[in-house]
Amino acid sequence: MFRELIENHALGNPVRLSIMLYLLPRGKVLFRELMTILEITPGNLDSHLKKLEKEGYVVIKKIIADRPRTVIEITEKGAEEVGSYLRALKKLIENLGEVGEK
């Protein structure tokens, strides 16, 4: 259980986990919105998104509307991994609570 959490290096980072948690209910979001919500620099966000994209958790798309925009979309794999990661985290917390009660 603890191993599951530490082996997932992509979601083990608080910024990347925050990105995924923000994307989960929305499906997709603009780069600029993520940058504003997370209060991080464009370079920092780009670095985290590339890691998530490499893992197959998000897709980064460039679109041209009135101006060029970058859209980040969560993949099915990404949604499943977030769910799995959160379940493992919940189980770990529950087990820690049981240890503390003894």
Protein backbone atom coordinates (compact mmCIF):
# COMPACT_ATOMS: atom_id res chain seq x y z
CA MET A 1 0.00 0.00 0.00
CA PHE A 2 2.70 2.50 0.98
CA ARG A 3 4.74 1.13 -1.91
CA GLU A 4 1.94 2.06 -4.35
CA LEU A 5 2.13 5.66 -3.20
CA ILE A 6 5.87 6.06 -3.41
CA GLU A 7 6.22 4.14 -6.68
CA ASN A 8 3.96 6.59 -8.50
CA HIS A 9 6.48 9.39 -8.86
CA ALA A 10 4.17 11.42 -11.10
CA LEU A 11 1.36 11.72 -8.56
CA GLY A 12 3.67 11.75 -5.54
CA ASN A 13 4.53 15.36 -6.31
CA PRO A 14 2.05 17.82 -4.70
CA VAL A 15 1.91 20.09 -7.76
CA ARG A 16 1.24 17.23 -10.17
CA LEU A 17 -1.36 15.74 -7.84
CA SER A 18 -3.02 19.17 -7.62
CA ILE A 19 -3.09 19.42 -11.42
CA MET A 20 -4.75 16.02 -11.68
CA LEU A 21 -7.26 16.77 -8.91
CA TYR A 22 -8.20 20.02 -10.65
CA LEU A 23 -8.58 18.26 -13.99
CA LEU A 24 -10.54 15.26 -12.71
CA PRO A 25 -13.99 16.88 -12.42
CA ARG A 26 -13.42 19.25 -15.35
CA GLY A 27 -11.92 16.96 -17.99
CA LYS A 28 -9.90 19.75 -19.58
CA VAL A 29 -8.59 23.17 -18.69
CA LEU A 30 -6.59 26.00 -20.23
CA PHE A 31 -2.89 26.26 -19.37
CA ARG A 32 -3.33 29.84 -18.14
CA GLU A 33 -6.17 28.82 -15.79
CA LEU A 34 -4.01 26.10 -14.23
CA MET A 35 -1.13 28.50 -13.86
CA THR A 36 -3.38 31.01 -12.08
CA ILE A 37 -5.07 28.46 -9.81
CA LEU A 38 -1.78 26.83 -8.77
CA GLU A 39 0.11 30.15 -8.59
CA ILE A 40 3.18 28.81 -10.37
CA THR A 41 5.30 30.06 -13.24
CA PRO A 42 4.68 28.97 -16.84
CA GLY A 43 8.00 27.12 -16.93
CA ASN A 44 7.28 25.25 -13.72
CA LEU A 45 3.78 24.25 -14.90
CA ASP A 46 5.13 23.19 -18.28
CA SER A 47 7.70 20.93 -16.61
CA HIS A 48 5.03 19.23 -14.46
CA LEU A 49 2.67 18.83 -17.42
CA LYS A 50 5.39 17.21 -19.53
CA LYS A 51 5.95 14.62 -16.78
CA LEU A 52 2.21 13.89 -16.62
CA GLU A 53 2.03 13.69 -20.41
CA LYS A 54 4.99 11.29 -20.51
CA GLU A 55 3.12 9.03 -18.05
CA GLY A 56 0.04 9.17 -20.28
CA TYR A 57 -2.07 10.96 -17.65
CA VAL A 58 -2.78 14.09 -19.71
CA VAL A 59 -2.82 15.23 -23.32
CA ILE A 60 -1.53 18.71 -24.14
CA LYS A 61 -3.16 20.29 -27.19
CA LYS A 62 -2.43 23.57 -28.92
CA ILE A 63 -5.51 25.21 -30.40
CA ILE A 64 -5.88 28.35 -32.42
CA ALA A 65 -9.05 30.33 -31.81
CA ASP A 66 -8.90 34.09 -31.50
CA ARG A 67 -5.32 33.47 -30.29
CA PRO A 68 -3.18 30.39 -29.65
CA ARG A 69 -4.10 28.52 -26.48
CA THR A 70 -2.92 25.41 -24.74
CA VAL A 71 -5.52 22.97 -23.45
CA ILE A 72 -4.68 20.22 -20.99
CA GLU A 73 -7.00 17.22 -21.01
CA ILE A 74 -7.01 14.33 -18.55
CA THR A 75 -6.84 10.87 -20.12
CA GLU A 76 -8.79 7.82 -19.06
CA LYS A 77 -5.55 6.37 -17.73
CA GLY A 78 -4.93 9.58 -15.76
CA ALA A 79 -8.39 9.50 -14.18
CA GLU A 80 -7.96 5.84 -13.24
CA GLU A 81 -4.51 6.46 -11.75
CA VAL A 82 -5.75 9.38 -9.66
CA GLY A 83 -8.58 7.22 -8.31
CA SER A 84 -6.19 4.39 -7.53
CA TYR A 85 -3.71 6.76 -5.88
CA LEU A 86 -6.41 8.36 -3.72
CA ARG A 87 -7.76 4.96 -2.64
CA ALA A 88 -4.26 3.86 -1.64
CA LEU A 89 -3.74 7.12 0.25
CA LYS A 90 -7.08 6.71 2.05
CA LYS A 91 -6.21 3.14 3.02
CA LEU A 92 -2.82 4.28 4.35
CA ILE A 93 -4.45 7.02 6.43
CA GLU A 94 -7.01 4.56 7.81
CA ASN A 95 -4.24 2.12 8.75
CA LEU A 96 -2.28 4.88 10.45
CA GLY A 97 -5.36 5.74 12.46
CA GLU A 98 -5.68 2.11 13.59
CA VAL A 99 -2.02 2.06 14.65
CA GLY A 100 -2.52 5.27 16.65
CA GLU A 101 -5.48 3.76 18.48
CA LYS A 102 -3.47 0.82 19.80
